[in-house]
Amino acid sequence: MVIYAQSLKHLFIFNKDKMATNKQFAQQSFTSLPGWAKGLLAVGVLAGVGYAVYYFTKQLGSVKEGKTEREEDRGWNSELDKLNSNDKTKATLSKAELSSMANKIHAAMDGYGTDEEAIVKAFRSLKNNADFAGLQAAYGVQVISSGRWNPEPNFKGNLIASLSTELSDYWVTKINQILKAKGIKYKV
């Protein structure tokens, strides 16, 4: 045990001396560089620090964003459960049908261009508030690609936010009229 402790002490002293030697070497190397190289090195270090700050800030934002999305999903699922608990307000479409509709709506918005008619067709299939809540819950939060050559960034959001971003006022009004005619209280 004593030999082990002495070995650790020797290793620590050796590493401490080596660290001091490395520090001196680094200082001498930096001071002997030409001015342009020092500037370039400083810019590189600043860029690295800037990127690190950007990365961690972005990560913190996505954590907050994820929390909001989970709360919203719970809200729509809770609303759907409440509506489905009453036979008069129960959903007329199955979860599979609502999931399929949500996928079709997403496909109609994803990428370059939007197929407004496909979206309107999906909303014509809804019959009550529970169907709308189920569609919103099935859609969840998705990313809509702006298209391969489109300079706009991708959009991430729930069904209502996605539709509001992708559709013109004309199509939003048309969908809201369909919902109102069916007695559905929700709007895009």
C-alpha atoms as a PDB file:
ATOM      1  CA  MET A   1       0.000   0.000   0.000  1.00  0.00           C
ATOM      2  CA  VAL A   2       2.883   2.331   0.831  1.00  0.00           C
ATOM      3  CA  ILE A   3       4.491   1.609  -2.513  1.00  0.00           C
ATOM      4  CA  TYR A   4       1.196   2.442  -4.277  1.00  0.00           C
ATOM      5  CA  ALA A   5       0.886   5.749  -2.379  1.00  0.00           C
ATOM      6  CA  GLN A   6       4.487   6.653  -3.208  1.00  0.00           C
ATOM      7  CA  SER A   7       3.875   5.801  -6.866  1.00  0.00           C
ATOM      8  CA  LEU A   8       0.837   8.095  -6.943  1.00  0.00           C
ATOM      9  CA  LYS A   9       2.833  10.876  -5.284  1.00  0.00           C
ATOM     10  CA  HIS A  10       5.627  10.447  -7.820  1.00  0.00           C
ATOM     11  CA  LEU A  11       3.102  10.391 -10.687  1.00  0.00           C
ATOM     12  CA  PHE A  12       1.437  13.570  -9.437  1.00  0.00           C
ATOM     13  CA  ILE A  13       4.742  15.419  -9.065  1.00  0.00           C
ATOM     14  CA  PHE A  14       5.838  14.226 -12.507  1.00  0.00           C
ATOM     15  CA  ASN A  15       2.544  15.383 -14.077  1.00  0.00           C
ATOM     16  CA  LYS A  16       2.702  18.698 -12.239  1.00  0.00           C
ATOM     17  CA  ASP A  17       6.183  19.331 -13.618  1.00  0.00           C
ATOM     18  CA  LYS A  18       5.089  18.195 -17.062  1.00  0.00           C
ATOM     19  CA  MET A  19       2.095  20.560 -16.930  1.00  0.00           C
ATOM     20  CA  ALA A  20       4.372  23.468 -16.041  1.00  0.00           C
ATOM     21  CA  THR A  21       6.680  22.559 -18.921  1.00  0.00           C
ATOM     22  CA  ASN A  22       3.713  22.354 -21.328  1.00  0.00           C
ATOM     23  CA  LYS A  23       2.434  25.730 -20.152  1.00  0.00           C
ATOM     24  CA  GLN A  24       5.848  27.333 -20.734  1.00  0.00           C
ATOM     25  CA  PHE A  25       6.063  25.720 -24.154  1.00  0.00           C
ATOM     26  CA  ALA A  26       2.600  27.033 -25.088  1.00  0.00           C
ATOM     27  CA  GLN A  27       3.466  30.556 -23.920  1.00  0.00           C
ATOM     28  CA  GLN A  28       6.743  30.567 -25.837  1.00  0.00           C
ATOM     29  CA  SER A  29       5.058  29.176 -28.953  1.00  0.00           C
ATOM     30  CA  PHE A  30       2.344  31.830 -28.890  1.00  0.00           C
ATOM     31  CA  THR A  31       4.681  34.764 -28.286  1.00  0.00           C
ATOM     32  CA  SER A  32       6.949  33.676 -31.144  1.00  0.00           C
ATOM     33  CA  LEU A  33       4.082  33.670 -33.677  1.00  0.00           C
ATOM     34  CA  PRO A  34       3.796  36.506 -36.227  1.00  0.00           C
ATOM     35  CA  GLY A  35       1.053  39.072 -35.603  1.00  0.00           C
ATOM     36  CA  TRP A  36      -1.263  37.758 -38.323  1.00  0.00           C
ATOM     37  CA  ALA A  37      -1.113  34.229 -36.868  1.00  0.00           C
ATOM     38  CA  LYS A  38      -1.943  35.516 -33.379  1.00  0.00           C
ATOM     39  CA  GLY A  39      -4.930  37.375 -34.822  1.00  0.00           C
ATOM     40  CA  LEU A  40      -6.081  34.307 -36.724  1.00  0.00           C
ATOM     41  CA  LEU A  41      -5.748  32.177 -33.600  1.00  0.00           C
ATOM     42  CA  ALA A  42      -7.715  34.751 -31.570  1.00  0.00           C
ATOM     43  CA  VAL A  43     -10.497  34.812 -34.171  1.00  0.00           C
ATOM     44  CA  GLY A  44     -10.627  30.997 -34.121  1.00  0.00           C
ATOM     45  CA  VAL A  45     -10.915  30.910 -30.344  1.00  0.00           C
ATOM     46  CA  LEU A  46     -13.633  33.590 -30.366  1.00  0.00           C
ATOM     47  CA  ALA A  47     -15.533  31.722 -33.077  1.00  0.00           C
ATOM     48  CA  GLY A  48     -15.357  28.531 -31.017  1.00  0.00           C
ATOM     49  CA  VAL A  49     -16.608  30.293 -27.897  1.00  0.00           C
ATOM     50  CA  GLY A  50     -19.363  31.992 -29.914  1.00  0.00           C
ATOM     51  CA  TYR A  51     -20.494  28.700 -31.387  1.00  0.00           C
ATOM     52  CA  ALA A  52     -20.517  27.055 -27.959  1.00  0.00           C
ATOM     53  CA  VAL A  53     -22.727  29.849 -26.580  1.00  0.00           C
ATOM     54  CA  TYR A  54     -25.042  29.570 -29.609  1.00  0.00           C
ATOM     55  CA  TYR A  55     -25.268  25.769 -29.281  1.00  0.00           C
ATOM     56  CA  PHE A  56     -26.095  25.790 -25.572  1.00  0.00           C
ATOM     57  CA  THR A  57     -28.614  28.614 -25.997  1.00  0.00           C
ATOM     58  CA  LYS A  58     -30.323  26.662 -28.762  1.00  0.00           C
ATOM     59  CA  GLN A  59     -30.410  23.530 -26.585  1.00  0.00           C
ATOM     60  CA  LEU A  60     -32.042  25.461 -23.737  1.00  0.00           C
ATOM     61  CA  GLY A  61     -34.642  26.849 -26.142  1.00  0.00           C
ATOM     62  CA  SER A  62     -35.499  23.390 -27.470  1.00  0.00           C
ATOM     63  CA  VAL A  63     -35.995  22.105 -23.909  1.00  0.00           C
ATOM     64  CA  LYS A  64     -38.516  24.899 -23.229  1.00  0.00           C
ATOM     65  CA  GLU A  65     -40.131  24.313 -26.613  1.00  0.00           C
ATOM     66  CA  GLY A  66     -40.485  20.578 -25.926  1.00  0.00           C
ATOM     67  CA  LYS A  67     -42.152  21.270 -22.584  1.00  0.00           C
ATOM     68  CA  THR A  68     -44.722  23.563 -24.232  1.00  0.00           C
ATOM     69  CA  GLU A  69     -45.421  20.959 -26.909  1.00  0.00           C
ATOM     70  CA  ARG A  70     -45.958  18.214 -24.330  1.00  0.00           C
ATOM     71  CA  GLU A  71     -48.338  20.447 -22.368  1.00  0.00           C
ATOM     72  CA  GLU A  72     -50.288  21.231 -25.522  1.00  0.00           C
ATOM     73  CA  ASP A  73     -50.503  17.553 -26.487  1.00  0.00           C
ATOM     74  CA  ARG A  74     -51.789  16.730 -23.016  1.00  0.00           C
ATOM     75  CA  GLY A  75     -54.352  19.502 -23.363  1.00  0.00           C
ATOM     76  CA  TRP A  76     -55.746  18.147 -26.634  1.00  0.00           C
ATOM     77  CA  ASN A  77     -55.721  14.573 -25.361  1.00  0.00           C
ATOM     78  CA  SER A  78     -57.513  15.701 -22.198  1.00  0.00           C
ATOM     79  CA  GLU A  79     -60.099  17.566 -24.288  1.00  0.00           C
ATOM     80  CA  LEU A  80     -60.592  14.485 -26.447  1.00  0.00           C
ATOM     81  CA  ASP A  81     -61.031  12.253 -23.389  1.00  0.00           C
ATOM     82  CA  LYS A  82     -63.595  14.669 -21.950  1.00  0.00           C
ATOM     83  CA  LEU A  83     -65.568  14.755 -25.210  1.00  0.00           C
ATOM     84  CA  ASN A  84     -65.393  10.981 -25.658  1.00  0.00           C
ATOM     85  CA  SER A  85     -66.720  10.383 -22.149  1.00  0.00           C
ATOM     86  CA  ASN A  86     -70.167  11.591 -23.268  1.00  0.00           C
ATOM     87  CA  ASP A  87     -72.006   9.545 -25.905  1.00  0.00           C
ATOM     88  CA  LYS A  88     -73.482  12.724 -27.425  1.00  0.00           C
ATOM     89  CA  THR A  89     -70.077  14.317 -28.035  1.00  0.00           C
ATOM     90  CA  LYS A  90     -68.073  11.160 -28.771  1.00  0.00           C
ATOM     91  CA  ALA A  91     -65.738  11.096 -31.788  1.00  0.00           C
ATOM     92  CA  THR A  92     -67.260   9.602 -34.928  1.00  0.00           C
ATOM     93  CA  LEU A  93     -63.865   8.720 -36.430  1.00  0.00           C
ATOM     94  CA  SER A  94     -61.488   6.089 -35.081  1.00  0.00           C
ATOM     95  CA  LYS A  95     -57.952   6.892 -33.923  1.00  0.00           C
ATOM     96  CA  ALA A  96     -56.635   5.128 -37.028  1.00  0.00           C
ATOM     97  CA  GLU A  97     -58.800   7.276 -39.304  1.00  0.00           C
ATOM     98  CA  LEU A  98     -57.747  10.449 -37.493  1.00  0.00           C
ATOM     99  CA  SER A  99     -54.095   9.424 -37.663  1.00  0.00           C
ATOM    100  CA  SER A 100     -54.404   8.760 -41.384  1.00  0.00           C
ATOM    101  CA  MET A 101     -56.036  12.181 -41.889  1.00  0.00           C
ATOM    102  CA  ALA A 102     -53.292  13.877 -39.873  1.00  0.00           C
ATOM    103  CA  ASN A 103     -50.660  12.182 -42.045  1.00  0.00           C
ATOM    104  CA  LYS A 104     -52.445  13.252 -45.239  1.00  0.00           C
ATOM    105  CA  ILE A 105     -52.665  16.851 -44.009  1.00  0.00           C
ATOM    106  CA  HIS A 106     -48.983  16.839 -43.108  1.00  0.00           C
ATOM    107  CA  ALA A 107     -48.068  15.381 -46.508  1.00  0.00           C
ATOM    108  CA  ALA A 108     -50.185  18.072 -48.199  1.00  0.00           C
ATOM    109  CA  MET A 109     -48.146  20.811 -46.465  1.00  0.00           C
ATOM    110  CA  ASP A 110     -44.691  19.222 -46.371  1.00  0.00           C
ATOM    111  CA  GLY A 111     -42.145  20.299 -48.962  1.00  0.00           C
ATOM    112  CA  TYR A 112     -42.494  22.782 -51.757  1.00  0.00           C
ATOM    113  CA  GLY A 113     -46.085  23.888 -52.318  1.00  0.00           C
ATOM    114  CA  THR A 114     -49.278  23.076 -50.441  1.00  0.00           C
ATOM    115  CA  ASP A 115     -52.204  20.919 -51.600  1.00  0.00           C
ATOM    116  CA  GLU A 116     -55.033  23.021 -50.180  1.00  0.00           C
ATOM    117  CA  GLU A 117     -57.775  20.832 -51.652  1.00  0.00           C
ATOM    118  CA  ALA A 118     -56.462  17.737 -49.829  1.00  0.00           C
ATOM    119  CA  ILE A 119     -56.517  19.677 -46.551  1.00  0.00           C
ATOM    120  CA  VAL A 120     -60.070  20.924 -47.122  1.00  0.00           C
ATOM    121  CA  LYS A 121     -61.174  17.381 -48.012  1.00  0.00           C
ATOM    122  CA  ALA A 122     -59.835  16.131 -44.679  1.00  0.00           C
ATOM    123  CA  PHE A 123     -61.725  18.810 -42.752  1.00  0.00           C
ATOM    124  CA  ARG A 124     -64.943  17.946 -44.575  1.00  0.00           C
ATOM    125  CA  SER A 125     -64.667  14.454 -43.013  1.00  0.00           C
ATOM    126  CA  LEU A 126     -64.901  15.841 -39.469  1.00  0.00           C
ATOM    127  CA  LYS A 127     -68.343  15.694 -37.876  1.00  0.00           C
ATOM    128  CA  ASN A 128     -67.984  17.095 -34.346  1.00  0.00           C
ATOM    129  CA  ASN A 129     -65.681  18.712 -31.772  1.00  0.00           C
ATOM    130  CA  ALA A 130     -64.243  15.358 -30.688  1.00  0.00           C
ATOM    131  CA  ASP A 131     -63.217  14.587 -34.266  1.00  0.00           C
ATOM    132  CA  PHE A 132     -61.369  17.918 -34.438  1.00  0.00           C
ATOM    133  CA  ALA A 133     -59.710  17.375 -31.048  1.00  0.00           C
ATOM    134  CA  GLY A 134     -58.747  13.861 -32.147  1.00  0.00           C
ATOM    135  CA  LEU A 135     -57.256  15.184 -35.381  1.00  0.00           C
ATOM    136  CA  GLN A 136     -55.281  17.799 -33.463  1.00  0.00           C
ATOM    137  CA  ALA A 137     -54.048  15.140 -31.001  1.00  0.00           C
ATOM    138  CA  ALA A 138     -53.159  12.748 -33.842  1.00  0.00           C
ATOM    139  CA  TYR A 139     -51.220  15.464 -35.673  1.00  0.00           C
ATOM    140  CA  GLY A 140     -49.295  16.437 -32.541  1.00  0.00           C
ATOM    141  CA  VAL A 141     -46.298  18.620 -33.305  1.00  0.00           C
ATOM    142  CA  GLN A 142     -44.587  18.053 -36.624  1.00  0.00           C
ATOM    143  CA  VAL A 143     -41.920  19.685 -38.757  1.00  0.00           C
ATOM    144  CA  ILE A 144     -42.967  20.954 -42.155  1.00  0.00           C
ATOM    145  CA  SER A 145     -40.137  21.191 -44.651  1.00  0.00           C
ATOM    146  CA  SER A 146     -40.127  24.394 -46.649  1.00  0.00           C
ATOM    147  CA  GLY A 147     -38.905  22.589 -49.754  1.00  0.00           C
ATOM    148  CA  ARG A 148     -35.515  21.628 -51.071  1.00  0.00           C
ATOM    149  CA  TRP A 149     -34.532  24.919 -52.698  1.00  0.00           C
ATOM    150  CA  ASN A 150     -36.712  27.213 -50.629  1.00  0.00           C
ATOM    151  CA  PRO A 151     -34.721  29.672 -48.481  1.00  0.00           C
ATOM    152  CA  GLU A 152     -37.413  29.751 -45.787  1.00  0.00           C
ATOM    153  CA  PRO A 153     -36.671  27.726 -42.658  1.00  0.00           C
ATOM    154  CA  ASN A 154     -38.647  24.613 -41.744  1.00  0.00           C
ATOM    155  CA  PHE A 155     -41.662  25.132 -39.493  1.00  0.00           C
ATOM    156  CA  LYS A 156     -42.394  23.122 -36.359  1.00  0.00           C
ATOM    157  CA  GLY A 157     -45.818  23.303 -34.765  1.00  0.00           C
ATOM    158  CA  ASN A 158     -49.194  21.779 -34.069  1.00  0.00           C
ATOM    159  CA  LEU A 159     -51.991  21.430 -36.605  1.00  0.00           C
ATOM    160  CA  ILE A 160     -53.551  24.863 -36.107  1.00  0.00           C
ATOM    161  CA  ALA A 161     -50.194  26.660 -36.186  1.00  0.00           C
ATOM    162  CA  SER A 162     -49.083  24.682 -39.241  1.00  0.00           C
ATOM    163  CA  LEU A 163     -52.271  25.445 -41.139  1.00  0.00           C
ATOM    164  CA  SER A 164     -52.074  29.123 -40.208  1.00  0.00           C
ATOM    165  CA  THR A 165     -48.533  29.267 -41.560  1.00  0.00           C
ATOM    166  CA  GLU A 166     -49.087  27.234 -44.731  1.00  0.00           C
ATOM    167  CA  LEU A 167     -52.503  28.468 -45.893  1.00  0.00           C
ATOM    168  CA  SER A 168     -53.608  31.841 -47.199  1.00  0.00           C
ATOM    169  CA  ASP A 169     -56.459  33.700 -45.509  1.00  0.00           C
ATOM    170  CA  TYR A 170     -58.837  32.413 -48.210  1.00  0.00           C
ATOM    171  CA  TRP A 171     -58.197  28.749 -47.311  1.00  0.00           C
ATOM    172  CA  VAL A 172     -58.230  29.366 -43.561  1.00  0.00           C
ATOM    173  CA  THR A 173     -61.611  31.090 -43.922  1.00  0.00           C
ATOM    174  CA  LYS A 174     -62.907  28.218 -46.058  1.00  0.00           C
ATOM    175  CA  ILE A 175     -61.861  25.629 -43.440  1.00  0.00           C
ATOM    176  CA  ASN A 176     -63.362  27.715 -40.619  1.00  0.00           C
ATOM    177  CA  GLN A 177     -66.640  27.944 -42.557  1.00  0.00           C
ATOM    178  CA  ILE A 178     -66.697  24.151 -42.921  1.00  0.00           C
ATOM    179  CA  LEU A 179     -66.083  23.747 -39.183  1.00  0.00           C
ATOM    180  CA  LYS A 180     -68.766  26.292 -38.281  1.00  0.00           C
ATOM    181  CA  ALA A 181     -71.324  24.643 -40.591  1.00  0.00           C
ATOM    182  CA  LYS A 182     -70.737  21.331 -38.785  1.00  0.00           C
ATOM    183  CA  GLY A 183     -71.156  22.958 -35.350  1.00  0.00           C
ATOM    184  CA  ILE A 184     -67.478  22.542 -34.474  1.00  0.00           C
ATOM    185  CA  LYS A 185     -66.382  25.214 -32.003  1.00  0.00           C
ATOM    186  CA  TYR A 186     -62.677  25.174 -32.919  1.00  0.00           C
ATOM    187  CA  LYS A 187     -61.097  27.407 -35.545  1.00  0.00           C
ATOM    188  CA  VAL A 188     -57.863  27.427 -37.471  1.00  0.00           C
END
